[in-house]
């Protein structure tokens, strides 16, 4: 799996945020954490599977093994398997139901919306784009001001474009989708003369 958020992608996403805010009253924030859940269950499942396979090989093999090997080798293989799963995002996704992944991303996105005070802008025009890398899931949360101004069909298009980009592991495509949304935001919620940048435009990766 190629890296999702390199320096070029960060610059492109920040430029998209700046473009949204240059022409509209929206306060956009992009957060792209490495993962939103802990996924210890996936590591345990991988370790158990490797341990069982190792034990099965030892018991069914034509070779003879010592009692110590029957105890220690499955344990060692289990630990190694769990460690490998913990370092392999694709395996963690595969061993986790889609519903669990989605719930973890949604829960973290909602917490981020309030922790980063996106809900406290002057015109209630905060917009959070939460791109969770391991899960390849997107959550878009908008405060009341911008939610009421932008048509539902425009939100759906933005969500669909961002979802396609993240599923393809393509942060530049996500930046392009946000840049295109800038025109929608400018029409729906024009920037006022006294608007100020209330939240940093920098992309947050955790």
N, C-alpha and C. Protein backbone atom coordinates (compact mmCIF):
# COMPACT_ATOMS: atom_id res chain seq x y z
N UNK A 1 0.84 -1.19 0.00
CA UNK A 1 0.00 0.00 0.00
C UNK A 1 0.87 1.23 0.00
N UNK A 2 0.63 2.10 -0.98
CA UNK A 2 1.38 3.33 -1.03
C UNK A 2 0.99 4.27 0.10
N UNK A 3 1.86 5.20 0.39
CA UNK A 3 1.59 6.13 1.48
C UNK A 3 0.52 7.12 1.05
N UNK A 4 -0.45 7.37 1.94
CA UNK A 4 -1.57 8.23 1.60
C UNK A 4 -1.21 9.71 1.74
N UNK A 5 -0.59 10.06 2.86
CA UNK A 5 -0.40 11.48 3.17
C UNK A 5 1.07 11.86 3.17
N UNK A 6 1.63 12.08 1.99
CA UNK A 6 3.00 12.55 1.91
C UNK A 6 3.00 14.09 1.87
N UNK A 7 4.16 14.69 1.73
CA UNK A 7 4.25 16.15 1.77
C UNK A 7 3.47 16.81 0.64
N UNK A 8 3.52 16.20 -0.55
CA UNK A 8 2.78 16.77 -1.68
C UNK A 8 1.28 16.75 -1.42
N UNK A 9 0.81 15.65 -0.85
CA UNK A 9 -0.62 15.53 -0.56
C UNK A 9 -1.04 16.54 0.50
N UNK A 10 -0.21 16.72 1.52
CA UNK A 10 -0.53 17.71 2.56
C UNK A 10 -0.64 19.11 1.97
N UNK A 11 0.31 19.44 1.09
CA UNK A 11 0.26 20.77 0.46
C UNK A 11 -1.00 20.93 -0.38
N UNK A 12 -1.37 19.88 -1.11
CA UNK A 12 -2.55 19.96 -1.97
C UNK A 12 -3.83 20.10 -1.14
N UNK A 13 -3.91 19.36 -0.05
CA UNK A 13 -5.10 19.44 0.80
C UNK A 13 -5.18 20.82 1.48
N UNK A 14 -4.05 21.34 1.93
CA UNK A 14 -4.06 22.66 2.56
C UNK A 14 -4.44 23.73 1.54
N UNK A 15 -3.94 23.59 0.32
CA UNK A 15 -4.30 24.55 -0.73
C UNK A 15 -5.80 24.51 -1.01
N UNK A 16 -6.39 23.32 -0.95
CA UNK A 16 -7.83 23.20 -1.17
C UNK A 16 -8.61 23.89 -0.05
N UNK A 17 -8.14 23.73 1.18
CA UNK A 17 -8.77 24.40 2.32
C UNK A 17 -8.68 25.91 2.14
N UNK A 18 -7.52 26.40 1.76
CA UNK A 18 -7.33 27.84 1.56
C UNK A 18 -8.23 28.36 0.43
N UNK A 19 -8.42 27.55 -0.58
CA UNK A 19 -9.28 27.97 -1.69
C UNK A 19 -10.74 28.07 -1.24
N UNK A 20 -11.19 27.13 -0.41
CA UNK A 20 -12.55 27.18 0.12
C UNK A 20 -12.74 28.46 0.94
N UNK A 21 -11.77 28.75 1.79
CA UNK A 21 -11.91 29.87 2.72
C UNK A 21 -11.67 31.22 2.04
N UNK A 22 -10.95 31.23 0.93
CA UNK A 22 -10.68 32.49 0.23
C UNK A 22 -11.94 33.09 -0.37
N UNK A 23 -12.88 32.23 -0.77
CA UNK A 23 -14.08 32.75 -1.43
C UNK A 23 -15.36 32.56 -0.66
N UNK A 24 -15.29 31.95 0.52
CA UNK A 24 -16.52 31.70 1.27
C UNK A 24 -16.28 31.94 2.76
N UNK A 25 -17.38 31.91 3.51
CA UNK A 25 -17.30 32.09 4.96
C UNK A 25 -17.06 30.77 5.68
N UNK A 26 -16.90 29.69 4.94
CA UNK A 26 -16.68 28.38 5.55
C UNK A 26 -15.31 28.33 6.23
N UNK A 27 -15.25 27.61 7.35
CA UNK A 27 -13.98 27.36 8.05
C UNK A 27 -13.71 25.87 7.94
N UNK A 28 -12.89 25.49 6.95
CA UNK A 28 -12.67 24.08 6.66
C UNK A 28 -11.45 23.55 7.41
N UNK A 29 -11.56 22.33 7.87
CA UNK A 29 -10.48 21.65 8.57
C UNK A 29 -10.36 20.24 8.01
N UNK A 30 -9.14 19.84 7.65
CA UNK A 30 -8.87 18.48 7.19
C UNK A 30 -8.05 17.75 8.24
N UNK A 31 -8.57 16.64 8.70
CA UNK A 31 -7.88 15.79 9.66
C UNK A 31 -7.74 14.41 9.03
N UNK A 32 -6.51 13.90 9.00
CA UNK A 32 -6.24 12.60 8.36
C UNK A 32 -5.43 11.71 9.29
N UNK A 33 -6.07 11.10 10.29
CA UNK A 33 -5.35 10.25 11.23
C UNK A 33 -4.89 8.95 10.57
N UNK A 34 -3.85 8.36 11.10
CA UNK A 34 -3.37 7.07 10.60
C UNK A 34 -4.45 6.02 10.77
N UNK A 35 -5.15 6.03 11.91
CA UNK A 35 -6.24 5.11 12.14
C UNK A 35 -7.16 5.70 13.19
N UNK A 36 -8.39 5.19 13.24
CA UNK A 36 -9.37 5.69 14.20
C UNK A 36 -9.73 4.67 15.27
N UNK A 37 -9.34 3.43 15.09
CA UNK A 37 -9.61 2.39 16.07
C UNK A 37 -8.33 1.73 16.53
N UNK A 38 -8.41 0.90 17.57
CA UNK A 38 -7.22 0.24 18.10
C UNK A 38 -6.97 -1.10 17.41
N UNK A 39 -8.02 -1.86 17.11
CA UNK A 39 -7.94 -3.10 16.34
C UNK A 39 -7.08 -4.18 17.01
N UNK A 40 -7.09 -4.21 18.34
CA UNK A 40 -6.39 -5.27 19.05
C UNK A 40 -6.96 -6.63 18.71
N UNK A 41 -8.28 -6.68 18.46
CA UNK A 41 -8.90 -7.97 18.12
C UNK A 41 -8.29 -8.56 16.86
N UNK A 42 -7.97 -7.71 15.87
CA UNK A 42 -7.37 -8.20 14.63
C UNK A 42 -5.99 -8.78 14.89
N UNK A 43 -5.21 -8.10 15.73
CA UNK A 43 -3.87 -8.61 16.07
C UNK A 43 -3.98 -9.96 16.79
N UNK A 44 -4.95 -10.08 17.69
CA UNK A 44 -5.14 -11.33 18.43
C UNK A 44 -5.58 -12.45 17.49
N UNK A 45 -6.49 -12.14 16.59
CA UNK A 45 -6.95 -13.16 15.63
C UNK A 45 -5.79 -13.64 14.76
N UNK A 46 -4.97 -12.70 14.31
CA UNK A 46 -3.81 -13.09 13.50
C UNK A 46 -2.84 -13.95 14.29
N UNK A 47 -2.61 -13.59 15.55
CA UNK A 47 -1.71 -14.37 16.38
C UNK A 47 -2.24 -15.75 16.67
N UNK A 48 -3.53 -15.84 16.99
CA UNK A 48 -4.14 -17.15 17.26
C UNK A 48 -4.08 -18.05 16.03
N UNK A 49 -4.41 -17.48 14.86
CA UNK A 49 -4.38 -18.27 13.63
C UNK A 49 -2.98 -18.81 13.35
N UNK A 50 -1.97 -17.96 13.50
CA UNK A 50 -0.60 -18.42 13.25
C UNK A 50 -0.17 -19.46 14.28
N UNK A 51 -0.57 -19.27 15.53
CA UNK A 51 -0.24 -20.26 16.55
C UNK A 51 -0.87 -21.60 16.28
N UNK A 52 -2.13 -21.61 15.88
CA UNK A 52 -2.82 -22.87 15.56
C UNK A 52 -2.20 -23.56 14.34
N UNK A 53 -1.89 -22.77 13.33
CA UNK A 53 -1.27 -23.37 12.14
C UNK A 53 0.07 -23.99 12.50
N UNK A 54 0.83 -23.32 13.32
CA UNK A 54 2.12 -23.86 13.75
C UNK A 54 1.94 -25.15 14.54
N UNK A 55 0.97 -25.16 15.46
CA UNK A 55 0.72 -26.36 16.25
C UNK A 55 0.24 -27.50 15.37
N UNK A 56 -0.62 -27.19 14.41
CA UNK A 56 -1.09 -28.23 13.49
C UNK A 56 0.05 -28.84 12.70
N UNK A 57 0.97 -28.00 12.25
CA UNK A 57 2.12 -28.52 11.51
C UNK A 57 2.96 -29.45 12.39
N UNK A 58 3.20 -29.03 13.62
CA UNK A 58 4.03 -29.84 14.52
C UNK A 58 3.38 -31.19 14.82
N UNK A 59 2.05 -31.19 14.99
CA UNK A 59 1.35 -32.42 15.35
C UNK A 59 1.19 -33.38 14.17
N UNK A 60 1.03 -32.82 12.99
CA UNK A 60 0.74 -33.65 11.82
C UNK A 60 1.98 -33.96 10.98
N UNK A 61 3.07 -33.32 11.27
CA UNK A 61 4.29 -33.54 10.50
C UNK A 61 4.86 -34.94 10.71
N UNK A 62 5.55 -35.47 9.69
CA UNK A 62 6.22 -36.77 9.82
C UNK A 62 7.47 -36.67 10.69
N UNK A 63 7.95 -35.44 10.91
CA UNK A 63 9.13 -35.27 11.74
C UNK A 63 8.71 -35.33 13.22
N UNK A 64 9.66 -35.59 14.03
CA UNK A 64 9.40 -35.63 15.47
C UNK A 64 9.92 -34.36 16.13
N UNK A 65 9.16 -33.89 17.12
CA UNK A 65 9.53 -32.67 17.82
C UNK A 65 9.47 -32.90 19.32
N UNK A 66 10.24 -32.15 20.05
CA UNK A 66 10.26 -32.29 21.51
C UNK A 66 9.01 -31.66 22.12
N UNK A 67 8.72 -32.01 23.36
CA UNK A 67 7.59 -31.42 24.07
C UNK A 67 7.76 -29.91 24.18
N UNK A 68 9.00 -29.47 24.41
CA UNK A 68 9.25 -28.03 24.51
C UNK A 68 8.88 -27.32 23.22
N UNK A 69 9.17 -27.96 22.08
CA UNK A 69 8.82 -27.35 20.79
C UNK A 69 7.31 -27.20 20.64
N UNK A 70 6.58 -28.20 21.11
CA UNK A 70 5.12 -28.15 21.00
C UNK A 70 4.53 -27.00 21.80
N UNK A 71 5.22 -26.59 22.85
CA UNK A 71 4.77 -25.47 23.66
C UNK A 71 5.27 -24.13 23.13
N UNK A 72 6.54 -24.10 22.81
CA UNK A 72 7.18 -22.81 22.53
C UNK A 72 6.98 -22.32 21.09
N UNK A 73 7.05 -23.24 20.12
CA UNK A 73 6.97 -22.79 18.72
C UNK A 73 5.61 -22.18 18.37
N UNK A 74 4.47 -22.78 18.79
CA UNK A 74 3.19 -22.11 18.52
C UNK A 74 3.10 -20.74 19.19
N UNK A 75 3.66 -20.65 20.40
CA UNK A 75 3.65 -19.35 21.09
C UNK A 75 4.45 -18.32 20.31
N UNK A 76 5.64 -18.71 19.86
CA UNK A 76 6.49 -17.79 19.11
C UNK A 76 5.82 -17.39 17.79
N UNK A 77 5.23 -18.37 17.11
CA UNK A 77 4.55 -18.05 15.84
C UNK A 77 3.34 -17.16 16.07
N UNK A 78 2.63 -17.40 17.18
CA UNK A 78 1.48 -16.57 17.49
C UNK A 78 1.88 -15.13 17.74
N UNK A 79 2.95 -14.94 18.51
CA UNK A 79 3.43 -13.59 18.77
C UNK A 79 3.88 -12.90 17.49
N UNK A 80 4.58 -13.65 16.65
CA UNK A 80 5.04 -13.09 15.38
C UNK A 80 3.86 -12.74 14.48
N UNK A 81 2.86 -13.63 14.42
CA UNK A 81 1.68 -13.36 13.59
C UNK A 81 0.93 -12.13 14.06
N UNK A 82 0.75 -11.99 15.38
CA UNK A 82 0.08 -10.82 15.91
C UNK A 82 0.83 -9.54 15.60
N UNK A 83 2.16 -9.60 15.71
CA UNK A 83 2.97 -8.43 15.41
C UNK A 83 2.88 -8.05 13.94
N UNK A 84 2.89 -9.05 13.06
CA UNK A 84 2.80 -8.77 11.63
C UNK A 84 1.45 -8.13 11.27
N UNK A 85 0.36 -8.64 11.87
CA UNK A 85 -0.95 -8.05 11.60
C UNK A 85 -0.99 -6.60 12.09
N UNK A 86 -0.40 -6.34 13.25
CA UNK A 86 -0.40 -4.98 13.80
C UNK A 86 0.35 -3.99 12.92
N UNK A 87 1.23 -4.51 12.06
CA UNK A 87 2.03 -3.65 11.17
C UNK A 87 1.50 -3.66 9.74
N UNK A 88 0.37 -4.32 9.50
CA UNK A 88 -0.15 -4.45 8.15
C UNK A 88 -1.59 -3.94 8.09
N UNK A 89 -1.80 -2.68 7.69
CA UNK A 89 -3.15 -2.11 7.67
C UNK A 89 -4.15 -2.94 6.87
N UNK A 90 -3.73 -3.51 5.75
CA UNK A 90 -4.66 -4.29 4.93
C UNK A 90 -5.21 -5.49 5.69
N UNK A 91 -4.36 -6.16 6.49
CA UNK A 91 -4.81 -7.29 7.28
C UNK A 91 -5.74 -6.84 8.41
N UNK A 92 -5.43 -5.72 9.01
CA UNK A 92 -6.31 -5.20 10.07
C UNK A 92 -7.69 -4.86 9.50
N UNK A 93 -7.73 -4.29 8.29
CA UNK A 93 -9.03 -4.03 7.66
C UNK A 93 -9.76 -5.32 7.37
N UNK A 94 -9.05 -6.30 6.81
CA UNK A 94 -9.67 -7.56 6.41
C UNK A 94 -10.23 -8.32 7.61
N UNK A 95 -9.59 -8.20 8.75
CA UNK A 95 -10.01 -8.92 9.96
C UNK A 95 -11.02 -8.14 10.80
N UNK A 96 -11.47 -6.99 10.29
CA UNK A 96 -12.42 -6.16 11.03
C UNK A 96 -13.67 -5.93 10.18
N UNK A 97 -14.85 -6.23 10.71
CA UNK A 97 -16.09 -5.97 9.95
C UNK A 97 -16.20 -4.51 9.54
N UNK A 98 -16.74 -4.28 8.36
CA UNK A 98 -16.88 -2.91 7.84
C UNK A 98 -17.68 -2.03 8.79
N UNK A 99 -18.69 -2.61 9.45
CA UNK A 99 -19.51 -1.84 10.38
C UNK A 99 -18.67 -1.32 11.55
N UNK A 100 -17.78 -2.15 12.07
CA UNK A 100 -16.92 -1.73 13.18
C UNK A 100 -16.00 -0.59 12.75
N UNK A 101 -15.42 -0.74 11.53
CA UNK A 101 -14.52 0.31 11.06
C UNK A 101 -15.27 1.63 10.90
N UNK A 102 -16.45 1.56 10.32
CA UNK A 102 -17.23 2.79 10.10
C UNK A 102 -17.61 3.44 11.42
N UNK A 103 -18.00 2.63 12.40
CA UNK A 103 -18.38 3.18 13.70
C UNK A 103 -17.19 3.87 14.38
N UNK A 104 -16.01 3.27 14.26
CA UNK A 104 -14.82 3.86 14.88
C UNK A 104 -14.49 5.21 14.24
N UNK A 105 -14.58 5.28 12.92
CA UNK A 105 -14.27 6.53 12.21
C UNK A 105 -15.31 7.61 12.54
N UNK A 106 -16.57 7.24 12.55
CA UNK A 106 -17.63 8.21 12.85
C UNK A 106 -17.49 8.74 14.27
N UNK A 107 -17.21 7.86 15.21
CA UNK A 107 -17.05 8.27 16.61
C UNK A 107 -15.88 9.25 16.76
N UNK A 108 -14.76 8.95 16.14
CA UNK A 108 -13.59 9.82 16.25
C UNK A 108 -13.80 11.14 15.53
N UNK A 109 -14.50 11.11 14.39
CA UNK A 109 -14.77 12.35 13.66
C UNK A 109 -15.64 13.29 14.49
N UNK A 110 -16.65 12.75 15.13
CA UNK A 110 -17.52 13.59 15.96
C UNK A 110 -16.76 14.18 17.14
N UNK A 111 -15.91 13.37 17.75
CA UNK A 111 -15.10 13.87 18.87
C UNK A 111 -14.16 14.97 18.40
N UNK A 112 -13.55 14.78 17.22
CA UNK A 112 -12.62 15.78 16.66
C UNK A 112 -13.34 17.09 16.37
N UNK A 113 -14.57 17.00 15.91
CA UNK A 113 -15.34 18.20 15.57
C UNK A 113 -15.46 19.13 16.78
N UNK A 114 -15.64 18.55 17.95
CA UNK A 114 -15.78 19.37 19.16
C UNK A 114 -14.44 19.66 19.82
N UNK A 115 -13.53 18.69 19.81
CA UNK A 115 -12.23 18.92 20.44
C UNK A 115 -11.45 20.04 19.75
N UNK A 116 -11.57 20.15 18.45
CA UNK A 116 -10.86 21.20 17.71
C UNK A 116 -11.70 22.47 17.57
N UNK A 117 -12.81 22.51 18.27
CA UNK A 117 -13.65 23.70 18.37
C UNK A 117 -14.17 24.16 17.00
N UNK A 118 -14.39 23.21 16.13
CA UNK A 118 -14.93 23.53 14.81
C UNK A 118 -16.38 23.99 14.94
N UNK A 119 -17.01 23.60 16.04
CA UNK A 119 -18.41 23.97 16.28
C UNK A 119 -18.56 25.37 16.88
N UNK A 120 -17.45 26.10 17.04
CA UNK A 120 -17.51 27.39 17.74
C UNK A 120 -17.18 28.58 16.84
N UNK A 121 -17.28 28.44 15.54
CA UNK A 121 -17.01 29.58 14.66
C UNK A 121 -18.14 30.61 14.77
N UNK A 122 -17.84 31.83 14.40
CA UNK A 122 -18.79 32.94 14.57
C UNK A 122 -20.11 32.68 13.85
N UNK A 123 -20.03 32.20 12.60
CA UNK A 123 -21.23 32.00 11.80
C UNK A 123 -21.69 30.55 11.77
N UNK A 124 -21.18 29.77 12.69
CA UNK A 124 -21.48 28.32 12.71
C UNK A 124 -21.24 27.71 11.32
N UNK A 125 -20.09 28.06 10.76
CA UNK A 125 -19.77 27.64 9.39
C UNK A 125 -18.58 26.69 9.33
N UNK A 126 -18.34 25.95 10.42
CA UNK A 126 -17.23 25.00 10.45
C UNK A 126 -17.50 23.78 9.60
N UNK A 127 -16.45 23.28 8.95
CA UNK A 127 -16.55 22.10 8.10
C UNK A 127 -15.37 21.19 8.39
N UNK A 128 -15.64 19.97 8.83
CA UNK A 128 -14.59 18.99 9.09
C UNK A 128 -14.61 17.93 8.02
N UNK A 129 -13.44 17.71 7.41
CA UNK A 129 -13.26 16.59 6.48
C UNK A 129 -12.29 15.62 7.15
N UNK A 130 -12.81 14.50 7.56
CA UNK A 130 -12.06 13.52 8.36
C UNK A 130 -11.75 12.31 7.47
N UNK A 131 -10.46 12.15 7.14
CA UNK A 131 -10.00 11.09 6.24
C UNK A 131 -9.19 10.09 7.05
N UNK A 132 -9.77 8.95 7.38
CA UNK A 132 -9.08 7.97 8.21
C UNK A 132 -8.33 6.98 7.32
N UNK A 133 -7.01 6.93 7.48
CA UNK A 133 -6.17 6.25 6.50
C UNK A 133 -6.29 4.72 6.55
N UNK A 134 -6.15 4.12 7.72
CA UNK A 134 -6.20 2.66 7.78
C UNK A 134 -7.55 2.14 7.31
N UNK A 135 -8.62 2.77 7.79
CA UNK A 135 -9.97 2.30 7.46
C UNK A 135 -10.38 2.66 6.04
N UNK A 136 -9.70 3.66 5.46
CA UNK A 136 -10.10 4.20 4.15
C UNK A 136 -11.57 4.61 4.17
N UNK A 137 -11.89 5.41 5.18
CA UNK A 137 -13.24 5.92 5.37
C UNK A 137 -13.20 7.43 5.48
N UNK A 138 -14.29 8.07 5.08
CA UNK A 138 -14.41 9.53 5.12
C UNK A 138 -15.67 9.91 5.90
N UNK A 139 -15.54 10.92 6.74
CA UNK A 139 -16.71 11.53 7.38
C UNK A 139 -16.61 13.03 7.15
N UNK A 140 -17.69 13.61 6.64
CA UNK A 140 -17.77 15.06 6.45
C UNK A 140 -18.82 15.60 7.41
N UNK A 141 -18.39 16.49 8.30
CA UNK A 141 -19.30 17.08 9.28
C UNK A 141 -19.32 18.60 9.08
N UNK A 142 -20.52 19.13 8.96
CA UNK A 142 -20.68 20.58 8.76
C UNK A 142 -21.54 21.15 9.86
N UNK A 143 -21.17 22.34 10.34
CA UNK A 143 -21.98 23.01 11.35
C UNK A 143 -23.25 23.57 10.70
N UNK A 144 -24.13 24.05 11.56
CA UNK A 144 -25.47 24.43 11.11
C UNK A 144 -25.46 25.48 10.01
N UNK A 145 -24.58 26.48 10.13
CA UNK A 145 -24.59 27.56 9.15
C UNK A 145 -24.29 27.10 7.74
N UNK A 146 -23.26 26.30 7.59
CA UNK A 146 -22.90 25.84 6.25
C UNK A 146 -23.79 24.70 5.78
N UNK A 147 -24.28 23.91 6.72
CA UNK A 147 -25.17 22.80 6.35
C UNK A 147 -26.47 23.32 5.74
N UNK A 148 -26.99 24.39 6.32
CA UNK A 148 -28.24 24.96 5.81
C UNK A 148 -28.06 25.68 4.49
N UNK A 149 -26.86 26.18 4.24
CA UNK A 149 -26.62 26.97 3.03
C UNK A 149 -26.34 26.10 1.81
N UNK A 150 -25.71 24.94 2.02
CA UNK A 150 -25.30 24.09 0.90
C UNK A 150 -26.37 23.03 0.64
N UNK A 151 -26.71 22.83 -0.62
CA UNK A 151 -27.75 21.86 -0.99
C UNK A 151 -27.31 20.43 -0.68
N UNK A 152 -28.29 19.59 -0.37
CA UNK A 152 -28.00 18.20 -0.05
C UNK A 152 -27.29 17.46 -1.17
N UNK A 153 -27.64 17.77 -2.42
CA UNK A 153 -27.00 17.09 -3.55
C UNK A 153 -25.52 17.44 -3.63
N UNK A 154 -25.15 18.66 -3.25
CA UNK A 154 -23.74 19.06 -3.26
C UNK A 154 -22.96 18.31 -2.17
N UNK A 155 -23.59 18.13 -1.00
CA UNK A 155 -22.94 17.34 0.05
C UNK A 155 -22.72 15.91 -0.42
N UNK A 156 -23.71 15.35 -1.08
CA UNK A 156 -23.61 13.97 -1.55
C UNK A 156 -22.48 13.82 -2.58
N UNK A 157 -22.35 14.80 -3.48
CA UNK A 157 -21.28 14.74 -4.47
C UNK A 157 -19.91 14.82 -3.81
N UNK A 158 -19.79 15.71 -2.82
CA UNK A 158 -18.51 15.85 -2.12
C UNK A 158 -18.17 14.56 -1.38
N UNK A 159 -19.14 14.01 -0.67
CA UNK A 159 -18.90 12.78 0.08
C UNK A 159 -18.52 11.64 -0.86
N UNK A 160 -19.20 11.53 -1.99
CA UNK A 160 -18.91 10.44 -2.93
C UNK A 160 -17.51 10.59 -3.52
N UNK A 161 -17.14 11.80 -3.90
CA UNK A 161 -15.81 12.02 -4.49
C UNK A 161 -14.71 11.75 -3.47
N UNK A 162 -14.91 12.19 -2.23
CA UNK A 162 -13.91 11.94 -1.20
C UNK A 162 -13.81 10.45 -0.88
N UNK A 163 -14.93 9.77 -0.84
CA UNK A 163 -14.92 8.33 -0.56
C UNK A 163 -14.16 7.57 -1.63
N UNK A 164 -14.39 7.92 -2.89
CA UNK A 164 -13.66 7.26 -3.98
C UNK A 164 -12.16 7.50 -3.86
N UNK A 165 -11.80 8.73 -3.52
CA UNK A 165 -10.38 9.07 -3.40
C UNK A 165 -9.71 8.30 -2.27
N UNK A 166 -10.37 8.21 -1.12
CA UNK A 166 -9.77 7.53 0.02
C UNK A 166 -9.72 6.03 -0.21
N UNK A 167 -10.75 5.46 -0.80
CA UNK A 167 -10.74 4.03 -1.10
C UNK A 167 -9.61 3.69 -2.08
N UNK A 168 -9.29 4.63 -2.96
CA UNK A 168 -8.19 4.44 -3.91
C UNK A 168 -6.84 4.82 -3.32
N UNK A 169 -6.84 5.26 -2.05
CA UNK A 169 -5.61 5.67 -1.37
C UNK A 169 -4.94 6.84 -2.09
N UNK A 170 -5.76 7.78 -2.55
CA UNK A 170 -5.29 8.89 -3.38
C UNK A 170 -5.66 10.22 -2.72
N UNK A 171 -4.76 10.77 -1.93
CA UNK A 171 -5.02 12.03 -1.24
C UNK A 171 -5.10 13.20 -2.22
N UNK A 172 -4.39 13.11 -3.34
CA UNK A 172 -4.45 14.20 -4.32
C UNK A 172 -5.84 14.31 -4.94
N UNK A 173 -6.48 13.16 -5.14
CA UNK A 173 -7.86 13.17 -5.65
C UNK A 173 -8.81 13.76 -4.61
N UNK A 174 -8.54 13.50 -3.32
CA UNK A 174 -9.35 14.10 -2.26
C UNK A 174 -9.18 15.61 -2.27
N UNK A 175 -7.96 16.08 -2.48
CA UNK A 175 -7.71 17.52 -2.56
C UNK A 175 -8.44 18.14 -3.74
N UNK A 176 -8.48 17.43 -4.86
CA UNK A 176 -9.19 17.93 -6.03
C UNK A 176 -10.68 18.04 -5.77
N UNK A 177 -11.24 17.06 -5.07
CA UNK A 177 -12.66 17.11 -4.73
C UNK A 177 -12.97 18.30 -3.84
N UNK A 178 -12.09 18.58 -2.89
CA UNK A 178 -12.29 19.75 -2.02
C UNK A 178 -12.16 21.06 -2.80
N UNK A 179 -11.21 21.10 -3.72
CA UNK A 179 -11.04 22.31 -4.54
C UNK A 179 -12.28 22.60 -5.36
N UNK A 180 -12.88 21.55 -5.89
CA UNK A 180 -14.11 21.72 -6.67
C UNK A 180 -15.27 22.18 -5.79
N UNK A 181 -15.26 21.75 -4.54
CA UNK A 181 -16.31 22.16 -3.61
C UNK A 181 -16.20 23.65 -3.28
N UNK A 182 -15.03 24.24 -3.46
CA UNK A 182 -14.84 25.66 -3.15
C UNK A 182 -15.83 26.53 -3.92
N UNK A 183 -16.12 26.17 -5.17
CA UNK A 183 -17.07 26.96 -5.95
C UNK A 183 -18.47 26.88 -5.35
N UNK A 184 -18.83 25.70 -4.88
CA UNK A 184 -20.15 25.53 -4.25
C UNK A 184 -20.24 26.38 -2.99
N UNK A 185 -19.19 26.32 -2.16
CA UNK A 185 -19.19 27.08 -0.91
C UNK A 185 -19.25 28.58 -1.16
N UNK A 186 -18.55 29.02 -2.19
CA UNK A 186 -18.52 30.46 -2.51
C UNK A 186 -19.91 30.96 -2.88
N UNK A 187 -20.66 30.15 -3.63
CA UNK A 187 -22.01 30.54 -4.05
C UNK A 187 -22.99 30.48 -2.88
N UNK A 188 -22.87 29.41 -2.08
CA UNK A 188 -23.83 29.19 -1.00
C UNK A 188 -23.59 30.08 0.21
N UNK A 189 -22.32 30.36 0.49
CA UNK A 189 -21.98 31.09 1.71
C UNK A 189 -20.84 32.07 1.40
N UNK A 190 -21.14 33.14 0.70
CA UNK A 190 -20.07 34.08 0.26
C UNK A 190 -19.28 34.66 1.44
N UNK A 191 -18.03 34.90 1.19
CA UNK A 191 -17.16 35.49 2.20
C UNK A 191 -17.54 36.95 2.43
N UNK A 192 -17.57 37.35 3.69
CA UNK A 192 -17.88 38.73 4.03
C UNK A 192 -16.59 39.52 4.22
N UNK A 193 -16.70 40.82 4.18
CA UNK A 193 -15.51 41.67 4.26
C UNK A 193 -14.80 41.53 5.59
N UNK A 194 -15.54 41.26 6.66
CA UNK A 194 -14.92 41.17 7.98
C UNK A 194 -14.62 39.74 8.42
N UNK A 195 -14.71 38.80 7.49
CA UNK A 195 -14.40 37.40 7.85
C UNK A 195 -12.93 37.26 8.23
N UNK A 196 -12.69 36.47 9.25
CA UNK A 196 -11.33 36.17 9.69
C UNK A 196 -11.11 34.67 9.70
N UNK A 197 -9.86 34.28 9.57
CA UNK A 197 -9.52 32.86 9.62
C UNK A 197 -9.50 32.43 11.09
N UNK A 198 -10.51 31.68 11.50
CA UNK A 198 -10.67 31.33 12.90
C UNK A 198 -9.98 30.03 13.29
N UNK A 199 -9.68 29.19 12.30
CA UNK A 199 -9.05 27.89 12.57
C UNK A 199 -7.90 27.71 11.59
N UNK A 200 -6.81 27.14 12.05
CA UNK A 200 -5.64 26.91 11.19
C UNK A 200 -6.01 26.08 9.97
N UNK A 201 -5.40 26.42 8.83
CA UNK A 201 -5.64 25.69 7.58
C UNK A 201 -4.76 24.44 7.45
N UNK A 202 -3.82 24.26 8.33
CA UNK A 202 -2.88 23.13 8.21
C UNK A 202 -3.60 21.80 8.34
N UNK A 203 -3.19 20.85 7.52
CA UNK A 203 -3.74 19.49 7.59
C UNK A 203 -3.20 18.80 8.84
N UNK A 204 -4.11 18.19 9.59
CA UNK A 204 -3.74 17.52 10.83
C UNK A 204 -3.67 16.01 10.58
N UNK A 205 -2.51 15.43 10.85
CA UNK A 205 -2.37 13.97 10.76
C UNK A 205 -1.93 13.47 12.13
N UNK A 206 -2.66 12.51 12.67
CA UNK A 206 -2.41 12.06 14.05
C UNK A 206 -1.97 10.60 14.06
